Amino acid sequence: MLLGALLLTERRVASAPRGAWMQDPADDYGRLAPMVLRGAAAFGTNATVWILGASDTREMLQGESELNDRLAKSGGGARIVSLCADGLLLEERAAVVERLRPGALGALVLGINLGQFCRPAADVARVAERYRLGFRSATFDEEAALAGAAMPPATGHFFYDNRLFFLRRIACLARMGPAPEFLEHRILAQGGDRADPWQFRKVRRFSSEEFEQRAGVVSRLAARNRLAGGPPVVLLEIPSMDYVEPRIGGPSHAAALRVYRAEVRRLAEREGLHYLDPAASVSLRREDFGDFAHLGDEGARARFSAEFLRQLAPILEGARP
């Protein structure tokens, strides 16, 4: 810890070899921090599609290399970079965009659904208390305050301000052997009717108050992105099992989903964002899911990904100079 306090700087973390700050193959945040700290410029000047989402987005789409192969074959002329992480809140994504500083070409894709928009402010407070990004962000501090949470004041000392990130990864300072290879897909089995009943308690109820709070996060993210000359913002609907079978959520859930989608479309229209819903054109079954929130079938991933890229293509065309 003393060595880390003396030697660890933002520049050292940003320039670390791939996987150096990952505890294990599933350490999304250990992978994410160096990538974000390097900034968008480190990825080149070509058009880039930045995908920001939680684990449901990561599991819904094919892997980064497969998506890039598909995009190259279609002549998309852009590169895809996945910045997904378990439970990544919209407030945390705003912090990522602030530090990443993406250029004007390409797209900024936010994986969303009712569960992302209708979550209690307590979730933000819990993340603020266990801050995990590996870099401080004035944007996250502001969003946390708006949600009724408080971040400790930043001191300017990189190690101390990000001590929770490093304390979770002390072993990385004295690693023997190679760094772990990142594991993109962790749900590789179909669940469907065999899914445990307790999972269905995860069904989110539509709350206009919670939706408006999260919509405010997206609106402010979009405004900052426009001011910084960033790329078009795309809201990508990520279905969970109740999207396929609304009855899972109870007798009124189908109506709640319709209200949610209408509100998202109004948000997109008001803020000049793009809203994509590939699942409306792709056949997904309950059996394709490994659990309530995550797709587990590779064929379904491929179909969803192909439709996503097809719907994304006109946006990328419009973003070209």
Protein backbone atom coordinates (compact mmCIF):
# COMPACT_ATOMS: atom_id res chain seq x y z
CA MET A 1 0.00 0.00 0.00
CA LEU A 2 2.84 2.39 0.80
CA LEU A 3 4.45 1.56 -2.53
CA GLY A 4 1.15 2.22 -4.28
CA ALA A 5 0.68 5.54 -2.50
CA LEU A 6 4.17 6.63 -3.55
CA LEU A 7 4.27 5.34 -7.11
CA LEU A 8 0.76 4.97 -8.48
CA THR A 9 -0.30 7.86 -10.66
CA GLU A 10 -3.05 8.32 -13.21
CA ARG A 11 -0.48 8.09 -15.99
CA ARG A 12 0.92 4.80 -14.68
CA VAL A 13 -2.51 3.23 -14.49
CA ALA A 14 -3.44 4.48 -17.95
CA SER A 15 -0.26 3.06 -19.48
CA ALA A 16 -0.48 -0.32 -17.72
CA PRO A 17 -0.45 -3.43 -19.93
CA ARG A 18 -3.77 -5.03 -20.79
CA GLY A 19 -5.27 -6.81 -17.81
CA ALA A 20 -2.73 -5.44 -15.33
CA TRP A 21 -5.46 -4.11 -13.02
CA MET A 22 -7.85 -7.02 -13.39
CA GLN A 23 -8.20 -9.33 -10.38
CA ASP A 24 -9.66 -12.09 -12.52
CA PRO A 25 -11.15 -12.61 -16.01
CA ALA A 26 -14.49 -11.15 -14.89
CA ASP A 27 -13.10 -7.91 -13.39
CA ASP A 28 -14.94 -5.40 -15.59
CA TYR A 29 -13.87 -2.35 -13.58
CA GLY A 30 -10.19 -3.35 -13.54
CA ARG A 31 -10.38 -3.51 -17.33
CA LEU A 32 -12.42 -0.33 -17.68
CA ALA A 33 -10.33 2.12 -15.64
CA PRO A 34 -7.11 2.09 -17.73
CA MET A 35 -9.10 2.24 -20.98
CA VAL A 36 -11.05 5.30 -19.86
CA LEU A 37 -7.99 7.04 -18.40
CA ARG A 38 -6.18 6.68 -21.72
CA GLY A 39 -8.99 8.66 -23.30
CA ALA A 40 -10.66 8.34 -26.67
CA ALA A 41 -7.63 9.80 -28.48
CA ALA A 42 -5.64 6.67 -27.62
CA PHE A 43 -8.01 4.65 -29.82
CA GLY A 44 -7.22 6.69 -32.93
CA THR A 45 -9.10 9.29 -34.93
CA ASN A 46 -11.42 7.00 -36.91
CA ALA A 47 -15.11 6.71 -36.11
CA THR A 48 -15.69 4.72 -32.92
CA VAL A 49 -18.84 3.17 -31.53
CA TRP A 50 -18.56 3.28 -27.74
CA ILE A 51 -20.93 0.80 -26.05
CA LEU A 52 -21.66 1.56 -22.40
CA GLY A 53 -23.90 -0.74 -20.46
CA ALA A 54 -24.31 -3.11 -17.56
CA SER A 55 -23.93 -6.89 -17.71
CA ASP A 56 -27.24 -7.24 -19.56
CA THR A 57 -25.80 -5.24 -22.48
CA ARG A 58 -22.55 -7.22 -22.42
CA GLU A 59 -24.40 -10.54 -22.52
CA MET A 60 -26.95 -9.41 -25.14
CA LEU A 61 -24.34 -8.48 -27.74
CA GLN A 62 -21.66 -10.59 -29.34
CA GLY A 63 -18.09 -9.99 -28.24
CA GLU A 64 -16.17 -6.91 -29.31
CA SER A 65 -14.10 -8.75 -31.93
CA GLU A 66 -17.18 -10.43 -33.42
CA LEU A 67 -19.03 -7.13 -33.60
CA ASN A 68 -16.06 -5.53 -35.31
CA ASP A 69 -15.87 -8.38 -37.82
CA ARG A 70 -19.55 -7.90 -38.64
CA LEU A 71 -19.13 -4.15 -38.96
CA ALA A 72 -16.08 -4.53 -41.23
CA LYS A 73 -17.91 -6.95 -43.53
CA SER A 74 -20.80 -4.54 -43.84
CA GLY A 75 -18.46 -1.68 -44.74
CA GLY A 76 -19.36 0.22 -41.60
CA GLY A 77 -16.04 2.07 -41.51
CA ALA A 78 -16.03 2.34 -37.70
CA ARG A 79 -14.55 0.53 -34.74
CA ILE A 80 -16.56 -0.82 -31.80
CA VAL A 81 -15.23 -0.54 -28.25
CA SER A 82 -17.20 -2.21 -25.46
CA LEU A 83 -17.11 -0.43 -22.10
CA CYS A 84 -19.67 -2.56 -20.27
CA ALA A 85 -19.38 -3.52 -16.61
CA ASP A 86 -21.50 -5.36 -14.07
CA GLY A 87 -24.19 -3.05 -12.72
CA LEU A 88 -22.78 0.06 -14.44
CA LEU A 89 -25.23 2.82 -13.52
CA LEU A 90 -26.22 5.66 -15.83
CA GLU A 91 -24.48 8.01 -13.37
CA GLU A 92 -21.25 6.04 -13.76
CA ARG A 93 -21.59 6.09 -17.54
CA ALA A 94 -21.81 9.87 -17.39
CA ALA A 95 -18.49 9.83 -15.52
CA VAL A 96 -16.95 7.53 -18.13
CA VAL A 97 -18.02 9.84 -20.97
CA GLU A 98 -16.62 12.84 -19.09
CA ARG A 99 -13.17 11.25 -18.81
CA LEU A 100 -13.22 9.45 -22.16
CA ARG A 101 -13.89 12.61 -24.21
CA PRO A 102 -15.09 10.79 -27.37
CA GLY A 103 -14.67 12.50 -30.73
CA ALA A 104 -17.45 13.55 -33.07
CA LEU A 105 -17.32 10.52 -35.36
CA GLY A 106 -19.10 7.29 -34.52
CA ALA A 107 -21.71 6.86 -31.80
CA LEU A 108 -22.14 6.70 -28.05
CA VAL A 109 -24.42 3.74 -27.30
CA LEU A 110 -26.14 3.43 -23.91
CA GLY A 111 -27.72 0.06 -23.15
CA ILE A 112 -30.99 0.80 -21.39
CA ASN A 113 -34.23 -0.78 -20.22
CA LEU A 114 -36.92 -0.28 -17.61
CA GLY A 115 -34.62 -1.69 -14.95
CA GLN A 116 -31.94 0.92 -15.75
CA PHE A 117 -34.36 3.83 -15.63
CA CYS A 118 -36.60 2.80 -12.75
CA ARG A 119 -34.15 2.14 -9.96
CA PRO A 120 -34.19 3.76 -6.52
CA ALA A 121 -31.81 6.54 -5.52
CA ALA A 122 -30.48 4.13 -2.88
CA ASP A 123 -28.65 2.29 -5.68
CA VAL A 124 -26.67 5.44 -6.45
CA ALA A 125 -25.90 5.96 -2.77
CA ARG A 126 -24.68 2.38 -2.50
CA VAL A 127 -22.34 2.83 -5.47
CA ALA A 128 -21.09 6.16 -4.12
CA GLU A 129 -20.25 4.47 -0.83
CA ARG A 130 -18.36 1.68 -2.61
CA TYR A 131 -16.98 3.80 -5.45
CA ARG A 132 -15.42 1.52 -8.05
CA LEU A 133 -14.42 3.44 -11.19
CA GLY A 134 -10.71 3.95 -10.52
CA PHE A 135 -10.83 7.68 -11.27
CA ARG A 136 -12.66 10.59 -9.69
CA SER A 137 -15.27 12.46 -11.66
CA ALA A 138 -16.87 15.81 -11.01
CA THR A 139 -19.79 14.62 -13.12
CA PHE A 140 -20.40 11.57 -10.93
CA ASP A 141 -20.09 13.71 -7.79
CA GLU A 142 -22.77 16.06 -9.14
CA GLU A 143 -25.08 13.24 -10.18
CA ALA A 144 -24.65 11.52 -6.81
CA ALA A 145 -25.54 14.75 -5.02
CA LEU A 146 -28.68 15.11 -7.14
CA ALA A 147 -29.62 11.56 -6.09
CA GLY A 148 -29.16 12.47 -2.42
CA ALA A 149 -25.76 10.77 -2.02
CA ALA A 150 -22.45 12.35 -1.08
CA MET A 151 -18.96 11.61 -2.33
CA PRO A 152 -15.98 12.52 -0.14
CA PRO A 153 -14.12 15.60 -1.36
CA ALA A 154 -11.34 14.86 -3.84
CA THR A 155 -7.88 15.66 -2.48
CA GLY A 156 -6.02 15.54 -5.78
CA HIS A 157 -3.90 12.62 -4.60
CA PHE A 158 -4.66 9.90 -7.17
CA PHE A 159 -4.03 6.86 -4.96
CA TYR A 160 -5.93 8.19 -1.96
CA ASP A 161 -8.91 9.46 -3.96
CA ASN A 162 -9.22 6.05 -5.64
CA ARG A 163 -8.20 3.94 -2.64
CA LEU A 164 -11.27 1.69 -2.82
CA PHE A 165 -10.36 0.70 -6.37
CA PHE A 166 -6.78 -0.12 -5.42
CA LEU A 167 -7.53 -1.78 -2.07
CA ARG A 168 -9.66 -4.30 -3.93
CA ARG A 169 -6.68 -5.01 -6.20
CA ILE A 170 -3.69 -5.12 -3.84
CA ALA A 171 -2.77 -8.50 -5.32
CA CYS A 172 -2.27 -6.83 -8.72
CA LEU A 173 0.71 -4.92 -7.28
CA ALA A 174 2.61 -8.16 -6.69
CA ARG A 175 1.24 -10.38 -9.43
CA MET A 176 3.31 -13.37 -10.41
CA GLY A 177 2.64 -14.65 -13.89
CA PRO A 178 0.53 -13.29 -16.74
CA ALA A 179 -2.48 -11.02 -16.34
CA PRO A 180 -5.89 -12.66 -16.79
CA GLU A 181 -7.61 -12.66 -20.18
CA PHE A 182 -10.90 -10.77 -20.10
CA LEU A 183 -14.01 -12.96 -20.22
CA GLU A 184 -16.78 -11.17 -22.08
CA HIS A 185 -19.61 -13.69 -21.87
CA ARG A 186 -20.35 -15.35 -18.54
CA ILE A 187 -23.89 -16.55 -19.26
CA LEU A 188 -23.47 -19.42 -21.70
CA ALA A 189 -26.42 -21.62 -20.86
CA GLN A 190 -30.11 -21.32 -21.55
CA GLY A 191 -32.40 -20.96 -18.56
CA GLY A 192 -35.94 -20.31 -19.72
CA ASP A 193 -38.51 -22.23 -17.74
CA ARG A 194 -35.74 -23.78 -15.67
CA ALA A 195 -34.74 -20.41 -14.20
CA ASP A 196 -35.11 -20.17 -10.45
CA PRO A 197 -38.40 -18.53 -9.38
CA TRP A 198 -36.60 -16.02 -7.10
CA GLN A 199 -35.17 -14.33 -10.21
CA PHE A 200 -38.60 -13.03 -11.13
CA ARG A 201 -38.58 -10.83 -8.05
CA LYS A 202 -36.12 -8.70 -10.03
CA VAL A 203 -38.93 -7.36 -12.25
CA ARG A 204 -38.83 -3.56 -11.98
CA ARG A 205 -42.05 -1.62 -11.66
CA PHE A 206 -42.47 1.54 -13.69
CA SER A 207 -42.14 4.64 -11.53
CA SER A 208 -42.56 8.03 -13.17
CA GLU A 209 -40.51 9.67 -10.39
CA GLU A 210 -37.59 7.26 -10.77
CA PHE A 211 -37.80 7.46 -14.54
CA GLU A 212 -37.60 11.25 -14.52
CA GLN A 213 -34.58 11.16 -12.20
CA ARG A 214 -32.67 8.81 -14.50
CA ALA A 215 -33.92 10.65 -17.60
CA GLY A 216 -32.32 13.75 -16.11
CA VAL A 217 -28.99 11.90 -15.95
CA VAL A 218 -29.28 11.00 -19.65
CA SER A 219 -30.33 14.55 -20.59
CA ARG A 220 -27.35 16.06 -18.80
CA LEU A 221 -25.00 13.45 -20.29
CA ALA A 222 -26.29 14.31 -23.77
CA ALA A 223 -25.95 18.06 -23.14
CA ARG A 224 -22.34 17.73 -21.95
CA ASN A 225 -21.57 15.47 -24.92
CA ARG A 226 -22.98 18.05 -27.36
CA LEU A 227 -21.03 20.85 -25.71
CA ALA A 228 -17.83 18.80 -26.02
CA GLY A 229 -18.48 18.02 -29.68
CA GLY A 230 -19.06 14.31 -29.06
CA PRO A 231 -20.78 11.75 -31.30
CA PRO A 232 -24.51 11.02 -31.62
CA VAL A 233 -26.01 9.39 -28.53
CA VAL A 234 -27.93 6.14 -29.07
CA LEU A 235 -30.28 4.54 -26.55
CA LEU A 236 -30.20 0.77 -27.15
CA GLU A 237 -33.09 -1.17 -25.62
CA ILE A 238 -31.77 -4.32 -23.90
CA PRO A 239 -34.59 -6.80 -23.29
CA SER A 240 -34.87 -8.94 -20.21
CA MET A 241 -37.11 -11.96 -19.85
CA ASP A 242 -40.19 -9.86 -19.03
CA TYR A 243 -39.79 -8.08 -22.39
CA VAL A 244 -40.45 -11.44 -24.05
CA GLU A 245 -43.14 -12.53 -21.58
CA PRO A 246 -44.66 -9.50 -19.81
CA ARG A 247 -46.92 -11.78 -17.75
CA ILE A 248 -43.86 -12.55 -15.62
CA GLY A 249 -44.23 -9.08 -14.14
CA GLY A 250 -47.91 -9.48 -13.32
CA PRO A 251 -51.20 -8.55 -15.00
CA SER A 252 -50.37 -4.83 -15.42
CA HIS A 253 -46.75 -5.23 -16.51
CA ALA A 254 -47.42 -5.19 -20.26
CA ALA A 255 -49.10 -1.80 -19.90
CA ALA A 256 -46.21 -0.55 -17.76
CA LEU A 257 -43.72 -1.59 -20.45
CA ARG A 258 -45.73 0.34 -23.06
CA VAL A 259 -45.67 3.43 -20.85
CA TYR A 260 -41.93 3.03 -20.32
CA ARG A 261 -41.19 2.73 -24.06
CA ALA A 262 -43.35 5.74 -24.84
CA GLU A 263 -41.46 7.76 -22.21
CA VAL A 264 -38.09 6.68 -23.61
CA ARG A 265 -39.14 7.69 -27.12
CA ARG A 266 -40.27 11.08 -25.82
CA LEU A 267 -36.94 11.51 -24.04
CA ALA A 268 -35.03 10.62 -27.22
CA GLU A 269 -37.12 13.02 -29.32
CA ARG A 270 -36.77 15.84 -26.79
CA GLU A 271 -33.00 15.48 -26.48
CA GLY A 272 -32.22 14.65 -30.11
CA LEU A 273 -31.13 11.09 -29.31
CA HIS A 274 -31.55 7.89 -31.33
CA TYR A 275 -33.62 5.05 -29.88
CA LEU A 276 -33.00 1.51 -31.18
CA ASP A 277 -35.08 -1.53 -30.23
CA PRO A 278 -33.65 -4.51 -32.18
CA ALA A 279 -35.67 -7.03 -30.15
CA ALA A 280 -38.85 -5.67 -31.76
CA SER A 281 -37.58 -7.15 -35.06
CA VAL A 282 -35.72 -10.20 -33.74
CA SER A 283 -37.35 -13.35 -32.45
CA LEU A 284 -36.26 -13.88 -28.85
CA ARG A 285 -37.71 -16.59 -26.64
CA ARG A 286 -37.81 -17.03 -22.91
CA GLU A 287 -35.65 -20.11 -23.44
CA ASP A 288 -32.86 -17.94 -24.95
CA PHE A 289 -32.17 -16.36 -21.55
CA GLY A 290 -29.71 -17.82 -19.08
CA ASP A 291 -31.48 -15.99 -16.25
CA PHE A 292 -34.01 -13.22 -15.89
CA ALA A 293 -31.75 -10.39 -17.07
CA HIS A 294 -29.12 -12.03 -19.30
CA LEU A 295 -29.23 -13.71 -22.67
CA GLY A 296 -27.48 -17.08 -22.76
CA ASP A 297 -27.95 -18.34 -26.31
CA GLU A 298 -25.23 -17.61 -28.88
CA GLY A 299 -27.62 -17.79 -31.82
CA ALA A 300 -29.91 -15.21 -30.21
CA ARG A 301 -26.88 -12.99 -29.50
CA ALA A 302 -25.89 -13.17 -33.16
CA ARG A 303 -29.41 -12.28 -34.36
CA PHE A 304 -29.73 -9.37 -31.95
CA SER A 305 -26.24 -8.08 -32.81
CA ALA A 306 -26.89 -8.23 -36.56
CA GLU A 307 -30.11 -6.26 -36.18
CA PHE A 308 -28.44 -3.75 -33.87
CA LEU A 309 -25.70 -3.07 -36.43
CA ARG A 310 -28.27 -2.84 -39.22
CA GLN A 311 -30.22 -0.19 -37.29
CA LEU A 312 -27.00 1.59 -36.30
CA ALA A 313 -25.70 1.88 -39.88
CA PRO A 314 -27.76 4.96 -40.90
CA ILE A 315 -26.62 6.76 -37.74
CA LEU A 316 -22.98 6.10 -38.58
CA GLU A 317 -23.56 7.24 -42.15
CA GLY A 318 -25.14 10.46 -40.91
CA ALA A 319 -22.21 11.08 -38.55
CA ARG A 320 -19.62 11.00 -41.31
CA PRO A 321 -18.28 14.36 -42.52
